[in-house]
Amino acid sequence: MDLVGPIIDIVSRVMNCSTKHVDYLRAFDENLDKLKEKMDQLNELKSDINNKVIAEEEQLKGMGELETMEPSKSPQKGTQGAGRPGGVPKQKPPQGHKGNGDTEVVDRLPYHT
């Protein structure tokens, strides 16, 4: 009779442990369905965020292209053409042209680049 007490104790512990695992197995299908739903929601959220990121990158890319345009393509306030007032770029005399000394005046103008 002294053996019956420990055997009942062991059986009850095994039953408690196994019922926990059986409960997990019973709820497995339900838990799997919930996980699939959450995964679908997360994938949709990821897709939405990726689309927003792509749209922002395209917008920033367009803004970057505007900033890197040459001055002749995007005139600044008060300038035209090559970024000089009046938009008249400095002309180089043709090769072999000795000039008449007027180029010195142009070279000393404040907007000479």
Protein backbone atom coordinates (compact mmCIF):
# COMPACT_ATOMS: atom_id res chain seq x y z
CA MET A 1 0.00 0.00 0.00
CA ASP A 2 2.92 2.28 0.45
CA LEU A 3 3.52 1.99 -3.26
CA VAL A 4 0.11 3.25 -4.31
CA GLY A 5 0.66 6.86 -3.09
CA PRO A 6 3.82 7.54 -5.16
CA ILE A 7 2.33 5.82 -8.22
CA ILE A 8 -0.81 7.96 -8.04
CA ASP A 9 1.40 11.06 -7.65
CA ILE A 10 3.44 10.14 -10.73
CA VAL A 11 0.32 9.36 -12.80
CA SER A 12 -1.33 12.65 -11.82
CA ARG A 13 1.81 14.63 -12.77
CA VAL A 14 2.03 12.86 -16.13
CA MET A 15 -1.66 13.55 -16.73
CA ASN A 16 -1.26 17.26 -15.89
CA CYS A 17 1.71 17.58 -18.21
CA SER A 18 0.06 15.69 -21.07
CA THR A 19 -3.23 17.61 -20.81
CA LYS A 20 -1.30 20.88 -21.31
CA HIS A 21 0.19 19.51 -24.49
CA VAL A 22 -3.15 18.12 -25.65
CA ASP A 23 -4.70 21.58 -25.16
CA TYR A 24 -1.98 23.09 -27.31
CA LEU A 25 -2.59 20.47 -30.00
CA ARG A 26 -6.35 21.06 -29.90
CA ALA A 27 -5.87 24.82 -30.33
CA PHE A 28 -3.19 24.37 -33.00
CA ASP A 29 -5.51 24.79 -36.00
CA GLU A 30 -7.17 27.85 -34.48
CA ASN A 31 -3.81 29.40 -33.58
CA LEU A 32 -2.45 28.65 -37.04
CA ASP A 33 -5.42 30.40 -38.65
CA LYS A 34 -4.90 33.45 -36.41
CA LEU A 35 -1.22 33.53 -37.31
CA LYS A 36 -2.04 33.38 -41.03
CA GLU A 37 -4.48 36.29 -40.65
CA LYS A 38 -1.88 38.37 -38.79
CA MET A 39 0.74 37.49 -41.40
CA ASP A 40 -1.58 38.65 -44.18
CA GLN A 41 -2.22 41.93 -42.33
CA LEU A 42 1.51 42.48 -41.85
CA ASN A 43 2.24 41.73 -45.51
CA GLU A 44 -0.42 44.24 -46.59
CA LEU A 45 1.06 46.84 -44.25
CA LYS A 46 4.53 46.14 -45.60
CA SER A 47 3.28 46.55 -49.16
CA ASP A 48 1.59 49.86 -48.30
CA ILE A 49 4.75 51.17 -46.65
CA ASN A 50 6.92 50.05 -49.58
CA ASN A 51 4.60 51.87 -51.99
CA LYS A 52 4.82 55.04 -49.89
CA VAL A 53 8.61 54.79 -49.76
CA ILE A 54 8.82 54.35 -53.54
CA ALA A 55 6.53 57.35 -54.09
CA GLU A 56 8.63 59.51 -51.75
CA GLU A 57 11.87 58.40 -53.42
CA GLU A 58 10.47 59.31 -56.84
CA GLN A 59 9.37 62.70 -55.51
CA LEU A 60 12.80 63.33 -53.97
CA LYS A 61 14.49 62.16 -57.16
CA GLY A 62 12.44 64.68 -59.14
CA MET A 63 13.37 67.43 -56.69
CA GLY A 64 17.03 66.42 -56.93
CA GLU A 65 16.91 66.66 -60.71
CA LEU A 66 15.55 70.20 -60.42
CA GLU A 67 18.35 71.20 -58.05
CA THR A 68 21.10 69.76 -60.25
CA MET A 69 19.91 71.39 -63.48
CA GLU A 70 22.37 73.71 -65.15
CA PRO A 71 21.78 77.43 -64.56
CA SER A 72 20.89 77.89 -68.24
CA LYS A 73 18.04 75.41 -67.79
CA SER A 74 16.78 76.86 -64.50
CA PRO A 75 17.48 80.58 -64.40
CA GLN A 76 17.90 82.19 -61.03
CA LYS A 77 16.08 85.32 -60.03
CA GLY A 78 17.48 88.30 -61.94
CA THR A 79 19.54 86.24 -64.36
CA GLN A 80 18.97 84.49 -67.63
CA GLY A 81 20.92 82.25 -69.92
CA ALA A 82 24.33 81.39 -68.52
CA GLY A 83 23.52 82.84 -65.11
CA ARG A 84 24.72 86.34 -66.00
CA PRO A 85 22.55 89.45 -65.74
CA GLY A 86 20.73 89.94 -69.00
CA GLY A 87 21.49 86.37 -70.04
CA VAL A 88 24.32 87.29 -72.39
CA PRO A 89 27.18 84.83 -72.03
CA LYS A 90 30.69 86.13 -72.57
CA GLN A 91 31.75 85.41 -76.12
CA LYS A 92 35.27 84.30 -76.94
CA PRO A 93 36.76 85.96 -79.99
CA PRO A 94 37.31 83.64 -82.94
CA GLN A 95 40.70 82.01 -83.19
CA GLY A 96 43.19 84.16 -84.99
CA HIS A 97 41.26 87.33 -84.07
CA LYS A 98 43.59 89.84 -82.49
CA GLY A 99 40.77 92.05 -81.18
CA ASN A 100 40.82 95.76 -80.69
CA GLY A 101 41.35 95.90 -76.92
CA ASP A 102 37.62 95.93 -76.06
CA THR A 103 37.88 92.55 -74.37
CA GLU A 104 39.72 94.08 -71.41
CA VAL A 105 36.60 96.05 -70.50
CA VAL A 106 34.49 92.89 -70.55
CA ASP A 107 37.02 91.07 -68.39
CA ARG A 108 36.75 93.73 -65.68
CA LEU A 109 32.95 93.67 -65.43
CA PRO A 110 31.71 92.50 -61.99
CA TYR A 111 29.66 89.61 -63.37
CA HIS A 112 32.55 88.14 -65.31
CA THR A 113 32.81 84.42 -64.59
